[in-house]
Structure formats: C-alpha cells, structure tokens
Amino acid sequence: MQDDPWDCPETDLETTDAIYVRMRLRTSGWKFQYFITEQLGADVLNASTWTFYRYIWRNYPDPGEGWTTGKCFYDTETFDTRITGFQWTPPPVAPTVTTQAVSNIGTTTSTP
C-alpha cells in the first residue's frame, strides 16, 4: 500500500461541478484509474490535505525477459484504494420568509 498526501488549494466551484481525479500507474506503459464524485452542489472546494491510498502490485522481470507489469487494486474490502480528506462547502441557503395576515391588532376593551 502506498499513501501520498496532496495539499488541495481552495477552489471556486459551480454547484453543478463534480471532481474528477485520474491516477496514473506506469509500468511498461501507462495505466489509469479514475475517481469521480457526483455533482457536489458546492460553491467552494475547501483547502485541505487529501491522502491517496493505493494498493499496487508490480512485477519486475529479469532484464531482457519481458515487460514490467502492474496492477492497481480497488473497490474491495481488502484493497481499499481511496482518497481521504476531501472537503467542500455547500452554498448558503436563503432563508424562507413566511408572512401571515393578522386583523384586529390593537387594544381590546372588555366589558364586565
């Protein structure tokens, strides 16, 4: 397992934005793993430290005996490749104002 931190800067978002992360694994060529969120409904991606946890296997053959091969494991309980520390802020919600009509406001006189 490898874990690597990354300091994500604060970033303005549109409420329809999703976050897309592409992880590269280089063996004898490039292999890619993708992470994508749902639309966040957020207006800010907060500055925070993300940590990437990767479960990777590589095979290094003897020189002249073939290509280096590799694999990234994910989506299992045993090999939980993931990103942690991801933080966002939803936009402020405008308060709902309800008005109600009232009649006969003033002083009342009671008669004995």
Protein backbone atom coordinates (compact mmCIF):
# COMPACT_ATOMS: atom_id res chain seq x y z
CA MET A 1 0.00 0.00 0.00
CA GLN A 2 1.21 3.49 -0.82
CA ASP A 3 -0.15 6.66 0.70
CA ASP A 4 0.63 10.11 -0.61
CA PRO A 5 -0.66 13.44 0.72
CA TRP A 6 -1.54 16.37 -1.53
CA ASP A 7 -2.43 19.89 -0.41
CA CYS A 8 -5.54 20.86 -2.35
CA PRO A 9 -5.90 24.64 -2.69
CA GLU A 10 -9.24 26.35 -2.10
CA THR A 11 -11.05 26.38 -5.43
CA ASP A 12 -14.27 28.06 -6.50
CA LEU A 13 -16.86 25.69 -7.96
CA GLU A 14 -20.16 25.82 -9.75
CA THR A 15 -22.92 23.93 -7.96
CA THR A 16 -23.13 21.52 -10.92
CA ASP A 17 -19.40 20.61 -10.72
CA ALA A 18 -18.09 17.15 -9.94
CA ILE A 19 -14.47 16.35 -9.05
CA TYR A 20 -12.54 14.07 -11.41
CA VAL A 21 -9.18 12.58 -10.38
CA ARG A 22 -7.05 10.46 -12.68
CA MET A 23 -4.35 8.31 -11.10
CA ARG A 24 -1.52 7.05 -13.33
CA LEU A 25 0.47 3.86 -12.88
CA ARG A 26 3.49 3.50 -15.10
CA THR A 27 4.70 0.03 -15.92
CA SER A 28 5.73 -0.73 -19.50
CA GLY A 29 3.07 1.77 -20.48
CA TRP A 30 0.57 3.95 -18.66
CA LYS A 31 -2.43 2.57 -16.79
CA PHE A 32 -5.10 4.85 -15.40
CA GLN A 33 -7.53 4.67 -12.50
CA TYR A 34 -10.34 7.22 -12.31
CA PHE A 35 -12.24 8.67 -9.37
CA ILE A 36 -15.26 10.92 -9.94
CA THR A 37 -17.76 12.35 -7.48
CA GLU A 38 -21.41 13.06 -8.02
CA GLN A 39 -22.31 16.70 -8.63
CA LEU A 40 -21.42 18.26 -5.28
CA GLY A 41 -23.90 21.14 -5.16
CA ALA A 42 -20.99 23.13 -3.68
CA ASP A 43 -19.60 26.55 -4.40
CA VAL A 44 -16.16 26.00 -2.81
CA LEU A 45 -13.70 23.12 -2.72
CA ASN A 46 -12.03 23.75 0.64
CA ALA A 47 -8.27 23.91 1.08
CA SER A 48 -7.38 20.60 2.74
CA THR A 49 -4.87 17.79 2.61
CA TRP A 50 -6.06 14.86 0.55
CA THR A 51 -4.41 11.49 1.09
CA PHE A 52 -4.31 9.00 -1.77
CA TYR A 53 -4.17 5.36 -0.63
CA ARG A 54 -3.19 2.94 -3.40
CA TYR A 55 -2.79 -0.81 -3.36
CA ILE A 56 -0.37 -1.60 -6.16
CA TRP A 57 1.33 -4.76 -7.36
CA ARG A 58 4.29 -4.64 -9.77
CA ASN A 59 6.26 -7.43 -11.37
CA TYR A 60 9.84 -6.68 -12.36
CA PRO A 61 11.16 -9.42 -14.69
CA ASP A 62 14.84 -10.08 -15.09
CA PRO A 63 16.48 -7.81 -17.71
CA GLY A 64 15.66 -8.98 -21.23
CA GLU A 65 12.87 -11.31 -20.06
CA GLY A 66 9.84 -9.16 -20.71
CA TRP A 67 7.98 -6.09 -19.63
CA THR A 68 7.34 -4.70 -16.18
CA THR A 69 3.68 -5.25 -15.40
CA GLY A 70 1.49 -3.79 -12.70
CA LYS A 71 -1.98 -3.54 -11.32
CA CYS A 72 -3.86 -1.20 -9.01
CA PHE A 73 -6.43 -2.89 -6.77
CA TYR A 74 -9.61 -1.09 -5.74
CA ASP A 75 -13.27 -1.49 -4.80
CA THR A 76 -12.74 -4.37 -2.39
CA GLU A 77 -12.66 -4.58 1.40
CA THR A 78 -9.10 -5.92 1.28
CA PHE A 79 -7.73 -3.41 -1.22
CA ASP A 80 -9.47 -0.14 -0.49
CA THR A 81 -7.76 2.31 -2.87
CA ARG A 82 -9.29 5.67 -1.97
CA ILE A 83 -8.90 9.41 -1.40
CA THR A 84 -9.50 10.88 2.06
CA GLY A 85 -9.58 14.46 3.36
CA PHE A 86 -11.83 15.70 0.57
CA GLN A 87 -13.86 18.73 1.81
CA TRP A 88 -16.33 21.10 0.19
CA THR A 89 -18.75 23.82 1.25
CA PRO A 90 -22.32 23.95 0.02
CA PRO A 91 -23.62 27.38 -0.96
CA PRO A 92 -25.62 29.29 1.65
CA VAL A 93 -29.34 28.66 1.55
CA ALA A 94 -31.54 31.74 1.53
CA PRO A 95 -33.96 31.74 4.47
CA THR A 96 -37.62 31.15 3.73
CA VAL A 97 -39.82 34.01 4.88
CA THR A 98 -43.45 33.33 5.62
CA THR A 99 -45.92 36.15 6.15
CA GLN A 100 -49.26 35.88 7.81
CA ALA A 101 -52.06 38.44 7.81
CA VAL A 102 -53.38 39.44 11.21
CA SER A 103 -56.50 41.52 11.81
CA ASN A 104 -57.76 43.43 14.85
CA ILE A 105 -54.38 44.34 16.28
CA GLY A 106 -54.61 46.97 18.96
CA THR A 107 -56.12 47.34 22.40
CA THR A 108 -59.15 45.46 23.46
CA THR A 109 -61.72 46.63 25.89
CA SER A 110 -63.60 44.19 27.95
CA THR A 111 -66.95 44.96 29.40
CA PRO A 112 -67.87 43.46 32.76
